[in-house]
Amino acid sequence: MAQLRTYAGGVDGNRSLERGIEILRAFRPGVDTLGNGEIAERTGLPRSTVSRLTRTLVNSGMLDEVRAMRTYRLAASVISIGHAMRTGSPVLNAIGPMMRAESAKRRLNVGLATADRAMMVTWSRSATAPERHCGTSSRVSRSRWS
C-alpha cells in the first residue's frame, strides 16, 4: 500500500495540483491502464478525490479514459511535456555529442540518468554495442532502485 502523503504546499501551494501530479506519477512502465481504485491505492488519496481529479485530468488532456475497462492511461500530452524537457535541456544538449563520441570510440553503451524519488529516469543513451538488457527501448524509461 502507498504511503499516505501529507500536503506539502504552503501559502503558495496548490493541493489539487499536487494531488493531480501524484495521480500522473502512479503510472509506471509495464502498466498500461489503472482504475480509480488502483490509483487510490498507489497514491494514498481517497477514492472520491481520485475520481474527481481523474475526470479533470481527462478533460485537460493528460489522461485518456478507457471506458470499456473503466480505467485510464496516460495521454500523448504527457509525452509532449517530457519531450519538451528533453529537447530543451542544456545538460543534454551539451553532453549528448560527447556521449555519442565516447560510445562510438569505446564501442559501448553510454547513458545518463537522474533520480526521481526511489526511481531512476534515463534521460539519454548512446548505444553502439549490442543491447544486453531486457526492458524498454524508450529514451525515457524508469527503473527501480534495488
Foldseek 3Di string as FASTA:
>chain_A
DADADDDPDDPPDDRLVVLLVLLVVLDAPPDFWDALVSSCVHHVDDSVSSVVSVVVCCVVQQWPAPVVVNIIGGGCVVVVVLVCCLVPPPVCVVCVVVQQVVCVVVVAKDWDWDDDDQKIWTSAMHHRHDDDDDDDPDNTHIDGDD
